[in-house]
Amino acid sequence: MSIDPNILIVIAVLVVLLATASLVAGWVNRSWSWPAFVALSMGLVILGYLHIAVMPGGLAPDDVPMAFIHVAALVLN
């Protein structure tokens, strides 16, 4: 059984956004957050894996909003 690629896209994008916000906050306070750096790396690795191995033809720019819509429809249905 495989996980839906749209769910992975949503998880990876949210992890990357939250980790980036944490790294920027740490940069402002001059204290680096290693867990945020690891989370950012993991999110980017998941997105890279999806781009190279899972999605046929790679990720297109409109795949990310469509993934959020698909996951919202899964949750609301």
N, C-alpha and C. Protein backbone atom coordinates (compact mmCIF):
# COMPACT_ATOMS: atom_id res chain seq x y z
N MET A 1 0.85 -1.18 0.00
CA MET A 1 0.00 0.00 0.00
C MET A 1 0.89 1.24 0.00
N SER A 2 0.56 2.16 -0.85
CA SER A 2 1.36 3.36 -1.01
C SER A 2 0.56 4.59 -0.57
N ILE A 3 1.26 5.58 -0.09
CA ILE A 3 0.60 6.81 0.33
C ILE A 3 0.35 7.68 -0.91
N ASP A 4 -0.73 8.42 -0.87
CA ASP A 4 -1.10 9.30 -1.98
C ASP A 4 -0.04 10.39 -2.15
N PRO A 5 0.47 10.61 -3.37
CA PRO A 5 1.49 11.65 -3.56
C PRO A 5 1.01 13.05 -3.19
N ASN A 6 -0.28 13.30 -3.33
CA ASN A 6 -0.80 14.63 -2.96
C ASN A 6 -0.66 14.88 -1.46
N ILE A 7 -0.86 13.85 -0.66
CA ILE A 7 -0.69 14.00 0.79
C ILE A 7 0.78 14.26 1.11
N LEU A 8 1.68 13.57 0.42
CA LEU A 8 3.11 13.82 0.64
C LEU A 8 3.51 15.24 0.23
N ILE A 9 2.94 15.74 -0.86
CA ILE A 9 3.23 17.11 -1.29
C ILE A 9 2.80 18.10 -0.21
N VAL A 10 1.60 17.92 0.32
CA VAL A 10 1.09 18.84 1.34
C VAL A 10 1.94 18.77 2.60
N ILE A 11 2.28 17.58 3.05
CA ILE A 11 3.12 17.44 4.24
C ILE A 11 4.48 18.09 4.02
N ALA A 12 5.11 17.81 2.89
CA ALA A 12 6.44 18.35 2.61
C ALA A 12 6.42 19.88 2.52
N VAL A 13 5.43 20.42 1.86
CA VAL A 13 5.35 21.89 1.72
C VAL A 13 5.13 22.54 3.08
N LEU A 14 4.26 21.97 3.91
CA LEU A 14 4.03 22.54 5.24
C LEU A 14 5.27 22.45 6.11
N VAL A 15 5.98 21.33 6.04
CA VAL A 15 7.22 21.18 6.82
C VAL A 15 8.26 22.20 6.36
N VAL A 16 8.40 22.36 5.05
CA VAL A 16 9.38 23.32 4.52
C VAL A 16 9.02 24.75 4.95
N LEU A 17 7.75 25.11 4.87
CA LEU A 17 7.35 26.46 5.26
C LEU A 17 7.57 26.72 6.75
N LEU A 18 7.19 25.78 7.60
CA LEU A 18 7.37 25.97 9.04
C LEU A 18 8.84 25.97 9.43
N ALA A 19 9.63 25.11 8.81
CA ALA A 19 11.06 25.07 9.11
C ALA A 19 11.75 26.35 8.65
N THR A 20 11.34 26.86 7.50
CA THR A 20 11.92 28.12 7.01
C THR A 20 11.58 29.26 7.95
N ALA A 21 10.35 29.31 8.42
CA ALA A 21 9.97 30.36 9.38
C ALA A 21 10.78 30.24 10.66
N SER A 22 11.00 29.02 11.11
CA SER A 22 11.79 28.81 12.33
C SER A 22 13.24 29.22 12.12
N LEU A 23 13.80 28.90 10.95
CA LEU A 23 15.18 29.30 10.68
C LEU A 23 15.33 30.81 10.57
N VAL A 24 14.35 31.47 9.98
CA VAL A 24 14.41 32.94 9.88
C VAL A 24 14.31 33.55 11.28
N ALA A 25 13.43 33.01 12.11
CA ALA A 25 13.32 33.52 13.49
C ALA A 25 14.61 33.29 14.26
N GLY A 26 15.23 32.14 14.05
CA GLY A 26 16.51 31.87 14.70
C GLY A 26 17.62 32.77 14.19
N TRP A 27 17.58 33.08 12.91
CA TRP A 27 18.58 33.98 12.32
C TRP A 27 18.45 35.38 12.92
N VAL A 28 17.21 35.83 13.13
CA VAL A 28 16.98 37.15 13.71
C VAL A 28 17.49 37.17 15.16
N ASN A 29 17.27 36.08 15.89
CA ASN A 29 17.71 36.01 17.29
C ASN A 29 19.16 35.56 17.44
N ARG A 30 19.81 35.29 16.34
CA ARG A 30 21.19 34.80 16.30
C ARG A 30 21.37 33.50 17.09
N SER A 31 20.38 32.62 16.95
CA SER A 31 20.49 31.28 17.53
C SER A 31 19.96 30.29 16.50
N TRP A 32 20.81 29.37 16.07
CA TRP A 32 20.44 28.45 15.00
C TRP A 32 19.70 27.26 15.58
N SER A 33 18.66 26.86 14.93
CA SER A 33 17.85 25.73 15.36
C SER A 33 18.18 24.53 14.47
N TRP A 34 18.89 23.56 15.03
CA TRP A 34 19.25 22.37 14.25
C TRP A 34 18.04 21.52 13.90
N PRO A 35 17.05 21.36 14.78
CA PRO A 35 15.87 20.60 14.37
C PRO A 35 15.14 21.25 13.18
N ALA A 36 15.12 22.58 13.13
CA ALA A 36 14.49 23.26 11.99
C ALA A 36 15.29 23.01 10.72
N PHE A 37 16.61 22.98 10.82
CA PHE A 37 17.45 22.70 9.65
C PHE A 37 17.23 21.27 9.17
N VAL A 38 17.12 20.34 10.11
CA VAL A 38 16.87 18.94 9.74
C VAL A 38 15.48 18.80 9.10
N ALA A 39 14.48 19.48 9.66
CA ALA A 39 13.13 19.42 9.10
C ALA A 39 13.10 20.02 7.69
N LEU A 40 13.80 21.13 7.50
CA LEU A 40 13.87 21.73 6.17
C LEU A 40 14.52 20.78 5.18
N SER A 41 15.59 20.14 5.60
CA SER A 41 16.28 19.18 4.72
C SER A 41 15.36 18.01 4.38
N MET A 42 14.66 17.49 5.37
CA MET A 42 13.77 16.36 5.12
C MET A 42 12.62 16.74 4.19
N GLY A 43 12.06 17.92 4.38
CA GLY A 43 10.99 18.38 3.50
C GLY A 43 11.46 18.54 2.07
N LEU A 44 12.66 19.08 1.90
CA LEU A 44 13.19 19.25 0.55
C LEU A 44 13.53 17.91 -0.09
N VAL A 45 14.01 16.96 0.72
CA VAL A 45 14.29 15.62 0.19
C VAL A 45 13.00 14.94 -0.26
N ILE A 46 11.93 15.09 0.51
CA ILE A 46 10.65 14.49 0.12
C ILE A 46 10.15 15.13 -1.18
N LEU A 47 10.25 16.45 -1.30
CA LEU A 47 9.84 17.11 -2.53
C LEU A 47 10.70 16.67 -3.71
N GLY A 48 11.99 16.52 -3.49
CA GLY A 48 12.87 16.03 -4.55
C GLY A 48 12.53 14.61 -4.97
N TYR A 49 12.24 13.75 -3.99
CA TYR A 49 11.84 12.38 -4.29
C TYR A 49 10.55 12.37 -5.11
N LEU A 50 9.59 13.20 -4.73
CA LEU A 50 8.34 13.27 -5.47
C LEU A 50 8.58 13.76 -6.89
N HIS A 51 9.44 14.74 -7.04
CA HIS A 51 9.73 15.31 -8.36
C HIS A 51 10.41 14.30 -9.26
N ILE A 52 11.35 13.54 -8.72
CA ILE A 52 12.15 12.63 -9.54
C ILE A 52 11.47 11.28 -9.74
N ALA A 53 10.96 10.69 -8.67
CA ALA A 53 10.56 9.28 -8.74
C ALA A 53 9.05 9.04 -8.81
N VAL A 54 8.25 9.89 -8.22
CA VAL A 54 6.84 9.56 -8.07
C VAL A 54 5.96 10.19 -9.14
N MET A 55 6.11 11.48 -9.34
CA MET A 55 5.24 12.18 -10.28
C MET A 55 5.72 11.97 -11.71
N PRO A 56 4.83 11.53 -12.61
CA PRO A 56 5.26 11.38 -14.00
C PRO A 56 5.53 12.74 -14.64
N GLY A 57 6.73 12.93 -15.13
CA GLY A 57 7.12 14.21 -15.73
C GLY A 57 7.57 15.23 -14.71
N GLY A 58 7.64 14.88 -13.45
CA GLY A 58 8.09 15.81 -12.41
C GLY A 58 6.95 16.69 -11.91
N LEU A 59 7.24 17.46 -10.88
CA LEU A 59 6.25 18.36 -10.31
C LEU A 59 6.12 19.61 -11.18
N ALA A 60 4.91 19.98 -11.48
CA ALA A 60 4.63 21.22 -12.21
C ALA A 60 4.23 22.28 -11.18
N PRO A 61 4.32 23.56 -11.54
CA PRO A 61 3.96 24.60 -10.57
C PRO A 61 2.51 24.52 -10.08
N ASP A 62 1.60 24.02 -10.89
CA ASP A 62 0.22 23.95 -10.44
C ASP A 62 -0.10 22.66 -9.69
N ASP A 63 0.87 21.78 -9.51
CA ASP A 63 0.65 20.55 -8.75
C ASP A 63 0.48 20.82 -7.25
N VAL A 64 1.16 21.83 -6.74
CA VAL A 64 1.10 22.10 -5.30
C VAL A 64 -0.29 22.62 -4.90
N PRO A 65 -0.86 23.64 -5.56
CA PRO A 65 -2.21 24.04 -5.15
C PRO A 65 -3.25 22.96 -5.38
N MET A 66 -3.09 22.19 -6.45
CA MET A 66 -4.03 21.10 -6.72
C MET A 66 -3.93 20.02 -5.64
N ALA A 67 -2.73 19.80 -5.11
CA ALA A 67 -2.56 18.82 -4.03
C ALA A 67 -3.28 19.31 -2.77
N PHE A 68 -3.18 20.60 -2.46
CA PHE A 68 -3.89 21.13 -1.30
C PHE A 68 -5.40 21.00 -1.48
N ILE A 69 -5.89 21.26 -2.69
CA ILE A 69 -7.32 21.12 -2.96
C ILE A 69 -7.75 19.66 -2.83
N HIS A 70 -6.93 18.76 -3.36
CA HIS A 70 -7.25 17.33 -3.27
C HIS A 70 -7.29 16.85 -1.82
N VAL A 71 -6.33 17.27 -1.03
CA VAL A 71 -6.30 16.85 0.38
C VAL A 71 -7.48 17.48 1.15
N ALA A 72 -7.80 18.72 0.86
CA ALA A 72 -8.96 19.34 1.50
C ALA A 72 -10.24 18.60 1.12
N ALA A 73 -10.34 18.18 -0.13
CA ALA A 73 -11.53 17.41 -0.56
C ALA A 73 -11.58 16.06 0.13
N LEU A 74 -10.41 15.42 0.33
CA LEU A 74 -10.37 14.15 1.05
C LEU A 74 -10.84 14.32 2.50
N VAL A 75 -10.42 15.41 3.12
CA VAL A 75 -10.77 15.64 4.52
C VAL A 75 -12.26 15.99 4.65
N LEU A 76 -12.76 16.80 3.74
CA LEU A 76 -14.14 17.26 3.83
C LEU A 76 -15.15 16.23 3.33
N ASN A 77 -14.69 15.27 2.55
CA ASN A 77 -15.62 14.29 1.99
C ASN A 77 -15.95 13.23 2.96
